[in-house]
Amino acid sequence: MRKVQSWILIGVIALFVVGFRAGKMKNIAKIETTSEATSLAAYAGILGPVSGALTGTVTYAGVAPAVQKLQVTKDVQVCGKEPHYDESLIVANNKGIKNVVVLIISPPKGKDLKSLGMNFELHQTGCVFLPHVQIVPVGVPLKIFNNDGILHNFHTYSQKNPPINVAQPKFKKVIEKTFTAAEVVSVKCDVHGWMSGYIVVVDHSYYAITDANGQFRITEVPAGNYQVEFWHEKLGKIRKEIKVTAGAEIKLDLVYPAAGK
């Protein structure tokens, strides 16, 4: 009889221990799940419900200047296949200005730089830099292609980044360069004097470049008050103040004064 009672007591204790451990593991899982949900909610708070979008159109005041044709003076058999035009001020029929860089000054942390992409290329095709203006994050390699089969020279002009001045003969199809500081870098080809472009080196993701109609869009901007800067190679810089509201699309249009006024 005592043996039976002993076995019953042991069984009760075992069930109690198993139940206690199961309850403990369930509570731990609940805590971990809650912690994970809190982290996700915090992340969503940065880029989700408390963020908005900034859009707009940059236009030109007055009559758009006539497009200037450039003279091809070297390697005409390659460079002269297509006409070349001055790209320093491109104005569409709706007066929208192409290649205006739009950026938020000193934004809080939010979107990762990877949101801008990880593969950046600059092409020398028909003795033209394509694209004429582009954004490249700091520390990310820029691949520079020579598609013409002739000698080019990649020459940068900058203040914060060491200058680059390298020959790129026809057998060197691609070279890679990186930049360490945010700034606008001017690019030239010493062999073909009409070739020019700009690399906008950035250290945050709240940048955009206007399209052919002068339109731009910057998404996932944390709600708050900001200064927005507009930069154009010929028309210069203008700053505007804006308030971004959670869940809203804020429109910010800009009219650049006519060149020389």
Protein backbone atom coordinates (compact mmCIF):
# COMPACT_ATOMS: atom_id res chain seq x y z
CA MET A 1 0.00 0.00 0.00
CA ARG A 2 2.83 2.37 0.89
CA LYS A 3 4.54 1.55 -2.42
CA VAL A 4 1.38 2.45 -4.35
CA GLN A 5 1.08 5.71 -2.46
CA SER A 6 4.74 6.49 -3.17
CA TRP A 7 4.28 5.89 -6.89
CA ILE A 8 1.20 8.11 -6.95
CA LEU A 9 3.10 10.89 -5.16
CA ILE A 10 6.00 10.62 -7.63
CA GLY A 11 3.54 10.81 -10.54
CA VAL A 12 1.87 13.93 -9.14
CA ILE A 13 5.24 15.63 -8.66
CA ALA A 14 6.29 14.73 -12.21
CA LEU A 15 3.08 16.18 -13.65
CA PHE A 16 3.59 19.34 -11.63
CA VAL A 17 7.18 19.76 -12.90
CA VAL A 18 6.19 19.14 -16.53
CA GLY A 19 3.31 21.59 -16.25
CA PHE A 20 5.51 24.22 -14.64
CA ARG A 21 8.16 23.93 -17.38
CA ALA A 22 5.56 24.07 -20.14
CA GLY A 23 4.03 27.18 -18.62
CA LYS A 24 7.44 28.79 -18.28
CA MET A 25 8.35 28.05 -21.91
CA LYS A 26 4.99 29.44 -23.03
CA ASN A 27 5.64 32.65 -21.11
CA ILE A 28 9.13 32.94 -22.60
CA ALA A 29 7.73 32.46 -26.10
CA LYS A 30 5.08 35.07 -25.35
CA ILE A 31 7.72 37.52 -24.15
CA GLU A 32 9.88 36.92 -27.25
CA THR A 33 6.89 37.30 -29.55
CA THR A 34 5.88 40.52 -27.82
CA SER A 35 9.44 41.85 -28.03
CA GLU A 36 9.64 41.01 -31.72
CA ALA A 37 6.29 42.64 -32.38
CA THR A 38 7.43 45.74 -30.51
CA SER A 39 10.59 45.94 -32.61
CA LEU A 40 8.64 45.56 -35.84
CA ALA A 41 6.18 48.18 -34.71
CA ALA A 42 9.05 50.54 -33.92
CA TYR A 43 10.56 49.96 -37.38
CA ALA A 44 7.19 50.46 -39.03
CA GLY A 45 6.86 53.65 -37.03
CA ILE A 46 10.00 55.03 -38.69
CA LEU A 47 9.12 54.18 -42.28
CA GLY A 48 5.41 53.53 -42.15
CA PRO A 49 2.51 55.37 -40.54
CA VAL A 50 4.55 58.35 -39.34
CA SER A 51 6.16 59.06 -42.71
CA GLY A 52 4.96 60.92 -45.78
CA ALA A 53 6.03 61.66 -49.35
CA LEU A 54 7.42 64.81 -50.92
CA THR A 55 6.58 65.50 -54.57
CA GLY A 56 6.67 68.47 -56.89
CA THR A 57 7.63 70.06 -60.18
CA VAL A 58 10.51 72.41 -60.90
CA THR A 59 9.83 74.86 -63.72
CA TYR A 60 11.55 77.72 -65.53
CA ALA A 61 10.29 81.31 -65.49
CA GLY A 62 10.03 83.07 -68.79
CA VAL A 63 10.93 81.81 -72.24
CA ALA A 64 13.13 78.73 -72.30
CA PRO A 65 16.52 79.35 -73.90
CA ALA A 66 17.20 77.80 -77.30
CA VAL A 67 19.07 74.51 -77.27
CA GLN A 68 22.72 75.02 -78.19
CA LYS A 69 24.42 72.58 -80.55
CA LEU A 70 27.97 71.61 -79.61
CA GLN A 71 30.82 71.37 -82.08
CA VAL A 72 32.58 68.02 -82.33
CA THR A 73 36.26 68.69 -82.95
CA LYS A 74 37.96 65.33 -82.32
CA ASP A 75 37.37 61.68 -83.25
CA VAL A 76 34.58 62.82 -85.54
CA GLN A 77 34.14 59.32 -86.99
CA VAL A 78 32.94 58.14 -83.57
CA CYS A 79 31.82 61.26 -81.74
CA GLY A 80 30.12 62.89 -84.71
CA LYS A 81 27.67 60.10 -85.56
CA GLU A 82 24.94 61.94 -83.65
CA PRO A 83 24.56 65.69 -83.03
CA HIS A 84 25.59 66.94 -79.59
CA TYR A 85 23.69 69.53 -77.55
CA ASP A 86 24.43 71.53 -74.43
CA GLU A 87 22.76 69.73 -71.49
CA SER A 88 23.41 72.40 -68.87
CA LEU A 89 19.79 73.63 -69.06
CA ILE A 90 17.08 71.36 -70.49
CA VAL A 91 13.56 72.81 -70.36
CA ALA A 92 10.50 70.83 -71.51
CA ASN A 93 7.40 72.17 -73.27
CA ASN A 94 5.68 72.46 -69.87
CA LYS A 95 8.70 74.52 -68.71
CA GLY A 96 9.79 71.66 -66.44
CA ILE A 97 13.55 71.58 -65.84
CA LYS A 98 15.42 68.30 -66.13
CA ASN A 99 18.32 67.28 -63.87
CA VAL A 100 17.51 69.42 -60.84
CA VAL A 101 18.80 67.72 -57.68
CA VAL A 102 16.30 67.85 -54.80
CA LEU A 103 17.40 66.93 -51.27
CA ILE A 104 16.28 67.22 -47.66
CA ILE A 105 18.78 69.04 -45.45
CA SER A 106 19.86 67.08 -42.33
CA PRO A 107 17.06 64.49 -42.28
CA PRO A 108 16.66 62.04 -39.35
CA LYS A 109 17.74 58.46 -39.83
CA GLY A 110 15.27 56.45 -41.86
CA LYS A 111 15.66 54.76 -45.21
CA ASP A 112 18.92 52.92 -45.71
CA LEU A 113 21.27 54.12 -48.47
CA LYS A 114 20.64 50.77 -50.15
CA SER A 115 17.18 52.06 -51.09
CA LEU A 116 18.95 54.11 -53.78
CA GLY A 117 20.34 50.91 -55.30
CA MET A 118 23.65 49.07 -55.24
CA ASN A 119 24.66 49.12 -58.91
CA PHE A 120 25.77 52.50 -60.31
CA GLU A 121 27.12 53.06 -63.81
CA LEU A 122 28.38 55.98 -65.88
CA HIS A 123 28.65 55.39 -69.63
CA GLN A 124 30.74 57.22 -72.21
CA THR A 125 28.74 56.60 -75.37
CA GLY A 126 29.09 58.66 -78.53
CA CYS A 127 31.43 60.91 -76.55
CA VAL A 128 28.68 61.86 -74.10
CA PHE A 129 28.42 61.09 -70.38
CA LEU A 130 25.25 59.10 -69.71
CA PRO A 131 23.53 60.01 -67.49
CA HIS A 132 24.43 63.67 -67.43
CA VAL A 133 23.57 63.92 -63.70
CA GLN A 134 23.32 60.98 -61.32
CA ILE A 135 23.26 60.12 -57.61
CA VAL A 136 25.93 57.81 -56.14
CA PRO A 137 26.10 56.90 -52.40
CA VAL A 138 29.38 57.29 -50.51
CA GLY A 139 31.47 54.12 -50.44
CA VAL A 140 29.57 52.42 -53.26
CA PRO A 141 31.60 51.69 -56.42
CA LEU A 142 30.75 53.57 -59.59
CA LYS A 143 31.45 51.61 -62.76
CA ILE A 144 32.68 53.87 -65.56
CA PHE A 145 32.29 52.38 -69.03
CA ASN A 146 34.10 53.28 -72.24
CA ASN A 147 31.69 52.16 -74.95
CA ASP A 148 33.30 54.09 -77.80
CA GLY A 149 36.45 52.09 -78.54
CA ILE A 150 38.60 55.25 -78.45
CA LEU A 151 40.64 57.01 -75.78
CA HIS A 152 38.71 58.85 -73.08
CA ASN A 153 39.98 60.59 -69.96
CA PHE A 154 37.91 60.54 -66.76
CA HIS A 155 38.66 63.70 -64.81
CA THR A 156 36.74 64.84 -61.69
CA TYR A 157 36.71 68.24 -59.99
CA SER A 158 35.72 68.30 -56.33
CA GLN A 159 36.44 69.84 -52.92
CA LYS A 160 35.86 67.03 -50.42
CA ASN A 161 36.89 64.01 -52.50
CA PRO A 162 40.36 63.42 -53.93
CA PRO A 163 40.37 64.31 -57.64
CA ILE A 164 40.41 61.49 -60.17
CA ASN A 165 42.31 61.90 -63.43
CA VAL A 166 42.77 58.64 -65.31
CA ALA A 167 43.12 57.75 -68.96
CA GLN A 168 40.68 55.13 -70.21
CA PRO A 169 41.92 53.67 -73.51
CA LYS A 170 39.72 51.51 -75.69
CA PHE A 171 40.99 48.23 -74.18
CA LYS A 172 39.97 49.35 -70.67
CA LYS A 173 36.24 48.85 -71.04
CA VAL A 174 35.37 49.59 -67.42
CA ILE A 175 37.00 51.11 -64.35
CA GLU A 176 35.63 51.44 -60.80
CA LYS A 177 35.89 54.43 -58.49
CA THR A 178 34.39 55.25 -55.08
CA PHE A 179 33.77 58.51 -53.23
CA THR A 180 34.10 59.12 -49.50
CA ALA A 181 32.34 62.45 -48.92
CA ALA A 182 28.98 63.90 -49.93
CA GLU A 183 29.21 66.68 -52.52
CA VAL A 184 28.53 67.50 -56.17
CA VAL A 185 31.44 66.29 -58.30
CA SER A 186 32.00 67.71 -61.78
CA VAL A 187 33.20 65.28 -64.46
CA LYS A 188 35.07 66.12 -67.68
CA CYS A 189 36.93 64.32 -70.45
CA ASP A 190 40.22 66.04 -71.24
CA VAL A 191 40.34 64.41 -74.68
CA HIS A 192 36.89 65.62 -75.74
CA GLY A 193 36.34 69.07 -74.26
CA TRP A 194 32.57 69.20 -74.77
CA MET A 195 31.96 66.16 -72.54
CA SER A 196 30.66 67.08 -69.09
CA GLY A 197 28.54 65.61 -66.31
CA TYR A 198 27.89 65.59 -62.58
CA ILE A 199 28.04 62.92 -59.90
CA VAL A 200 26.03 63.81 -56.80
CA VAL A 201 27.68 61.89 -53.96
CA VAL A 202 25.20 61.41 -51.10
CA ASP A 203 25.33 60.22 -47.48
CA HIS A 204 21.57 59.76 -46.99
CA SER A 205 18.72 58.54 -49.16
CA TYR A 206 16.43 61.59 -49.22
CA TYR A 207 17.47 62.76 -52.68
CA ALA A 208 15.84 62.88 -56.09
CA ILE A 209 16.59 64.18 -59.59
CA THR A 210 13.87 65.76 -61.69
CA ASP A 211 12.81 63.91 -64.82
CA ALA A 212 12.32 65.32 -68.33
CA ASN A 213 9.15 67.12 -67.19
CA GLY A 214 10.75 68.60 -64.06
CA GLN A 215 8.97 66.24 -61.68
CA PHE A 216 10.45 64.60 -58.58
CA ARG A 217 9.35 62.36 -55.71
CA ILE A 218 10.97 61.47 -52.37
CA THR A 219 9.20 58.77 -50.36
CA GLU A 220 9.18 57.55 -46.74
CA VAL A 221 10.14 60.91 -45.27
CA PRO A 222 9.68 60.92 -41.46
CA ALA A 223 7.05 63.46 -40.40
CA GLY A 224 8.54 66.81 -39.40
CA ASN A 225 9.71 70.24 -40.52
CA TYR A 226 12.54 70.40 -43.05
CA GLN A 227 14.56 72.58 -45.34
CA VAL A 228 14.56 71.32 -48.91
CA GLU A 229 17.38 72.30 -51.26
CA PHE A 230 17.16 72.51 -55.04
CA TRP A 231 20.43 72.46 -57.00
CA HIS A 232 20.94 73.01 -60.70
CA GLU A 233 24.29 73.22 -62.46
CA LYS A 234 23.42 76.50 -64.21
CA LEU A 235 20.63 78.03 -62.09
CA GLY A 236 22.24 77.45 -58.68
CA LYS A 237 20.71 76.62 -55.28
CA ILE A 238 17.37 77.54 -53.73
CA ARG A 239 16.04 76.43 -50.34
CA LYS A 240 12.44 76.07 -49.21
CA GLU A 241 10.85 75.11 -45.90
CA ILE A 242 8.30 72.31 -45.77
CA LYS A 243 6.31 70.35 -43.22
CA VAL A 244 5.83 66.64 -43.92
CA THR A 245 2.69 65.14 -42.40
CA ALA A 246 2.28 61.47 -41.50
CA GLY A 247 0.55 59.48 -44.21
CA ALA A 248 0.26 62.47 -46.55
CA GLU A 249 1.78 63.41 -49.90
CA ILE A 250 3.16 66.94 -49.63
CA LYS A 251 3.56 68.93 -52.83
CA LEU A 252 6.42 71.40 -53.18
CA ASP A 253 6.74 73.18 -56.52
CA LEU A 254 9.55 75.55 -57.43
CA VAL A 255 9.98 78.14 -60.19
CA TYR A 256 13.57 79.02 -61.04
CA PRO A 257 14.15 82.59 -62.22
CA ALA A 258 15.33 82.85 -65.80
CA ALA A 259 19.08 82.48 -66.22
CA GLY A 260 20.94 85.73 -65.69
CA LYS A 261 18.06 87.46 -63.85
